[in-house]
Amino acid sequence: MTYSIPIWFSLVRTETTKANLIAKLEQTQNRCLCTIAGAYKATPILLLESETRVLPIRTYLSMLQAQYRARTKDLPVRALLKKACKRIQTQLQGQRGRQRMRKETPSNSKEAWYQALPIDPTSRQPVQTQIKH
């Protein structure tokens, strides 16, 4: 059930893992705990987990993810993977890593013109009077 957790599961508070995947695992774990413990379906899950000494699935997956990160933190392959990911990211931005050219719109040209003006942003004088000087 927990094969390749580091690939598809993300730690708590980052929640890029789809909720329905975790929900299905929780349901499966709960049914198995009821069967193993010989408990009724109405037995609270927290009680079953404590009696059988089984961690909740989210906690267990987080623990596996943390163990994987600790194990692979200092591997030389990690730097290679980061470099490859960065190269792919730049390729996705445009051909051969170049930024895509933005179309010149009146709004863009107006903004560029305004930024090129020799005005003092801290001055309380109107912009028109600053430009005339």
C-alpha atoms as a PDB file:
ATOM      1  CA  MET A   1       0.000   0.000   0.000  1.00  0.00           C
ATOM      2  CA  THR A   2       2.828   2.375   0.700  1.00  0.00           C
ATOM      3  CA  TYR A   3       5.029   1.605  -2.279  1.00  0.00           C
ATOM      4  CA  SER A   4       6.773   4.695  -3.729  1.00  0.00           C
ATOM      5  CA  ILE A   5       5.414   7.043  -1.055  1.00  0.00           C
ATOM      6  CA  PRO A   6       8.223   9.613  -1.554  1.00  0.00           C
ATOM      7  CA  ILE A   7       7.064  10.164  -5.113  1.00  0.00           C
ATOM      8  CA  TRP A   8       3.347  10.721  -4.708  1.00  0.00           C
ATOM      9  CA  PHE A   9       2.890  11.797  -1.085  1.00  0.00           C
ATOM     10  CA  SER A  10       3.719  15.237   0.258  1.00  0.00           C
ATOM     11  CA  LEU A  11       4.188  16.157   3.886  1.00  0.00           C
ATOM     12  CA  VAL A  12       1.472  17.713   6.008  1.00  0.00           C
ATOM     13  CA  ARG A  13       0.736  21.392   5.318  1.00  0.00           C
ATOM     14  CA  THR A  14       1.937  21.168   1.702  1.00  0.00           C
ATOM     15  CA  GLU A  15      -1.073  19.115   0.605  1.00  0.00           C
ATOM     16  CA  THR A  16      -0.238  18.494  -3.032  1.00  0.00           C
ATOM     17  CA  THR A  17      -1.347  14.905  -2.509  1.00  0.00           C
ATOM     18  CA  LYS A  18      -4.876  14.291  -3.690  1.00  0.00           C
ATOM     19  CA  ALA A  19      -7.219  13.916  -0.744  1.00  0.00           C
ATOM     20  CA  ASN A  20      -9.119  11.020  -2.323  1.00  0.00           C
ATOM     21  CA  LEU A  21      -5.945   8.886  -2.428  1.00  0.00           C
ATOM     22  CA  ILE A  22      -5.427   9.304   1.303  1.00  0.00           C
ATOM     23  CA  ALA A  23      -9.130   8.747   1.989  1.00  0.00           C
ATOM     24  CA  LYS A  24      -9.045   5.407   0.128  1.00  0.00           C
ATOM     25  CA  LEU A  25      -5.979   4.329   2.093  1.00  0.00           C
ATOM     26  CA  GLU A  26      -7.662   5.341   5.357  1.00  0.00           C
ATOM     27  CA  GLN A  27     -10.778   3.337   4.487  1.00  0.00           C
ATOM     28  CA  THR A  28      -8.701   0.290   3.594  1.00  0.00           C
ATOM     29  CA  GLN A  29      -6.663   0.568   6.785  1.00  0.00           C
ATOM     30  CA  ASN A  30      -9.817   0.973   8.892  1.00  0.00           C
ATOM     31  CA  ARG A  31     -11.488  -2.096   7.377  1.00  0.00           C
ATOM     32  CA  CYS A  32      -8.334  -4.145   7.916  1.00  0.00           C
ATOM     33  CA  LEU A  33      -8.048  -2.982  11.525  1.00  0.00           C
ATOM     34  CA  CYS A  34     -11.659  -4.013  12.180  1.00  0.00           C
ATOM     35  CA  THR A  35     -10.985  -7.427  10.681  1.00  0.00           C
ATOM     36  CA  ILE A  36      -7.714  -7.976  12.531  1.00  0.00           C
ATOM     37  CA  ALA A  37      -9.051  -6.810  15.904  1.00  0.00           C
ATOM     38  CA  GLY A  38     -12.380  -8.597  15.456  1.00  0.00           C
ATOM     39  CA  ALA A  39     -14.197  -5.344  16.221  1.00  0.00           C
ATOM     40  CA  TYR A  40     -17.569  -4.077  15.086  1.00  0.00           C
ATOM     41  CA  LYS A  41     -17.800  -1.550  12.282  1.00  0.00           C
ATOM     42  CA  ALA A  42     -19.069   1.052  14.739  1.00  0.00           C
ATOM     43  CA  THR A  43     -15.890   0.876  16.846  1.00  0.00           C
ATOM     44  CA  PRO A  44     -14.072   4.228  16.823  1.00  0.00           C
ATOM     45  CA  ILE A  45     -11.014   4.210  14.588  1.00  0.00           C
ATOM     46  CA  LEU A  46      -8.807   5.963  17.159  1.00  0.00           C
ATOM     47  CA  LEU A  47      -9.562   3.188  19.623  1.00  0.00           C
ATOM     48  CA  LEU A  48      -8.715   0.522  17.035  1.00  0.00           C
ATOM     49  CA  GLU A  49      -5.437   2.250  16.162  1.00  0.00           C
ATOM     50  CA  SER A  50      -4.404   2.495  19.802  1.00  0.00           C
ATOM     51  CA  GLU A  51      -5.421  -1.114  20.638  1.00  0.00           C
ATOM     52  CA  THR A  52      -3.584  -2.550  17.631  1.00  0.00           C
ATOM     53  CA  ARG A  53      -0.682  -0.085  17.989  1.00  0.00           C
ATOM     54  CA  VAL A  54      -0.946   0.994  14.361  1.00  0.00           C
ATOM     55  CA  LEU A  55      -0.231   4.591  13.378  1.00  0.00           C
ATOM     56  CA  PRO A  56      -2.873   6.556  11.478  1.00  0.00           C
ATOM     57  CA  ILE A  57      -2.121   6.329   7.762  1.00  0.00           C
ATOM     58  CA  ARG A  58      -1.332  10.046   7.375  1.00  0.00           C
ATOM     59  CA  THR A  59       1.153   9.896  10.247  1.00  0.00           C
ATOM     60  CA  TYR A  60       2.729   6.738   8.863  1.00  0.00           C
ATOM     61  CA  LEU A  61       3.063   8.224   5.363  1.00  0.00           C
ATOM     62  CA  SER A  62       4.582  11.409   6.793  1.00  0.00           C
ATOM     63  CA  MET A  63       7.059   9.311   8.761  1.00  0.00           C
ATOM     64  CA  LEU A  64       8.063   7.366   5.626  1.00  0.00           C
ATOM     65  CA  GLN A  65       8.457  10.612   3.673  1.00  0.00           C
ATOM     66  CA  ALA A  66      10.628  12.137   6.415  1.00  0.00           C
ATOM     67  CA  GLN A  67      12.790   9.009   6.569  1.00  0.00           C
ATOM     68  CA  TYR A  68      13.275   9.115   2.801  1.00  0.00           C
ATOM     69  CA  ARG A  69      14.256  12.791   2.874  1.00  0.00           C
ATOM     70  CA  ALA A  70      16.723  12.201   5.696  1.00  0.00           C
ATOM     71  CA  ARG A  71      18.208   9.226   3.850  1.00  0.00           C
ATOM     72  CA  THR A  72      18.634  11.057   0.526  1.00  0.00           C
ATOM     73  CA  LYS A  73      19.551  14.502   1.859  1.00  0.00           C
ATOM     74  CA  ASP A  74      23.291  14.275   1.173  1.00  0.00           C
ATOM     75  CA  LEU A  75      23.382  11.999  -1.869  1.00  0.00           C
ATOM     76  CA  PRO A  76      25.310  13.324  -4.908  1.00  0.00           C
ATOM     77  CA  VAL A  77      22.389  12.305  -7.103  1.00  0.00           C
ATOM     78  CA  ARG A  78      20.259  15.000  -5.442  1.00  0.00           C
ATOM     79  CA  ALA A  79      22.428  17.779  -6.931  1.00  0.00           C
ATOM     80  CA  LEU A  80      22.200  16.119 -10.337  1.00  0.00           C
ATOM     81  CA  LEU A  81      18.418  15.911 -10.050  1.00  0.00           C
ATOM     82  CA  LYS A  82      18.154  19.573  -9.040  1.00  0.00           C
ATOM     83  CA  LYS A  83      20.307  20.564 -12.021  1.00  0.00           C
ATOM     84  CA  ALA A  84      18.160  18.491 -14.390  1.00  0.00           C
ATOM     85  CA  CYS A  85      14.949  19.958 -12.957  1.00  0.00           C
ATOM     86  CA  LYS A  86      16.313  23.473 -13.346  1.00  0.00           C
ATOM     87  CA  ARG A  87      17.224  22.773 -16.985  1.00  0.00           C
ATOM     88  CA  ILE A  88      13.754  21.413 -17.696  1.00  0.00           C
ATOM     89  CA  GLN A  89      12.206  24.436 -16.012  1.00  0.00           C
ATOM     90  CA  THR A  90      14.192  26.848 -18.165  1.00  0.00           C
ATOM     91  CA  GLN A  91      13.276  24.888 -21.279  1.00  0.00           C
ATOM     92  CA  LEU A  92       9.629  25.161 -20.399  1.00  0.00           C
ATOM     93  CA  GLN A  93       9.987  28.931 -20.112  1.00  0.00           C
ATOM     94  CA  GLY A  94      10.986  29.225 -23.733  1.00  0.00           C
ATOM     95  CA  GLN A  95      13.214  27.755 -26.373  1.00  0.00           C
ATOM     96  CA  ARG A  96      16.736  27.047 -25.116  1.00  0.00           C
ATOM     97  CA  GLY A  97      15.959  28.643 -21.778  1.00  0.00           C
ATOM     98  CA  ARG A  98      15.279  32.127 -23.121  1.00  0.00           C
ATOM     99  CA  GLN A  99      12.433  34.138 -21.720  1.00  0.00           C
ATOM    100  CA  ARG A 100       9.508  34.446 -24.071  1.00  0.00           C
ATOM    101  CA  MET A 101       9.131  37.810 -25.697  1.00  0.00           C
ATOM    102  CA  ARG A 102       6.181  39.750 -24.406  1.00  0.00           C
ATOM    103  CA  LYS A 103       4.047  41.499 -26.970  1.00  0.00           C
ATOM    104  CA  GLU A 104       4.331  45.264 -26.864  1.00  0.00           C
ATOM    105  CA  THR A 105       1.011  46.616 -25.700  1.00  0.00           C
ATOM    106  CA  PRO A 106       0.019  50.190 -24.978  1.00  0.00           C
ATOM    107  CA  SER A 107      -0.041  49.370 -21.284  1.00  0.00           C
ATOM    108  CA  ASN A 108       3.518  47.945 -21.367  1.00  0.00           C
ATOM    109  CA  SER A 109       4.908  50.881 -23.314  1.00  0.00           C
ATOM    110  CA  LYS A 110       3.151  53.363 -21.018  1.00  0.00           C
ATOM    111  CA  GLU A 111       4.611  51.640 -17.954  1.00  0.00           C
ATOM    112  CA  ALA A 112       8.119  51.648 -19.462  1.00  0.00           C
ATOM    113  CA  TRP A 113       7.757  55.332 -20.390  1.00  0.00           C
ATOM    114  CA  TYR A 114       6.567  56.224 -16.890  1.00  0.00           C
ATOM    115  CA  GLN A 115       9.474  54.374 -15.245  1.00  0.00           C
ATOM    116  CA  ALA A 116      11.964  56.156 -17.507  1.00  0.00           C
ATOM    117  CA  LEU A 117      10.743  59.605 -16.402  1.00  0.00           C
ATOM    118  CA  PRO A 118      13.162  61.605 -14.227  1.00  0.00           C
ATOM    119  CA  ILE A 119      10.808  62.054 -11.276  1.00  0.00           C
ATOM    120  CA  ASP A 120      11.342  61.843  -7.575  1.00  0.00           C
ATOM    121  CA  PRO A 121       8.884  59.365  -6.024  1.00  0.00           C
ATOM    122  CA  THR A 122       9.345  60.953  -2.585  1.00  0.00           C
ATOM    123  CA  SER A 123       8.420  64.432  -3.816  1.00  0.00           C
ATOM    124  CA  ARG A 124       4.981  65.811  -2.995  1.00  0.00           C
ATOM    125  CA  GLN A 125       4.845  67.889  -6.175  1.00  0.00           C
ATOM    126  CA  PRO A 126       2.592  66.720  -9.001  1.00  0.00           C
ATOM    127  CA  VAL A 127       4.253  64.686 -11.728  1.00  0.00           C
ATOM    128  CA  GLN A 128       3.566  67.400 -14.362  1.00  0.00           C
ATOM    129  CA  THR A 129       5.581  70.004 -12.430  1.00  0.00           C
ATOM    130  CA  GLN A 130       8.468  67.588 -11.886  1.00  0.00           C
ATOM    131  CA  ILE A 131       8.680  66.773 -15.610  1.00  0.00           C
ATOM    132  CA  LYS A 132       8.798  70.456 -16.670  1.00  0.00           C
ATOM    133  CA  HIS A 133      11.916  71.173 -14.635  1.00  0.00           C
END
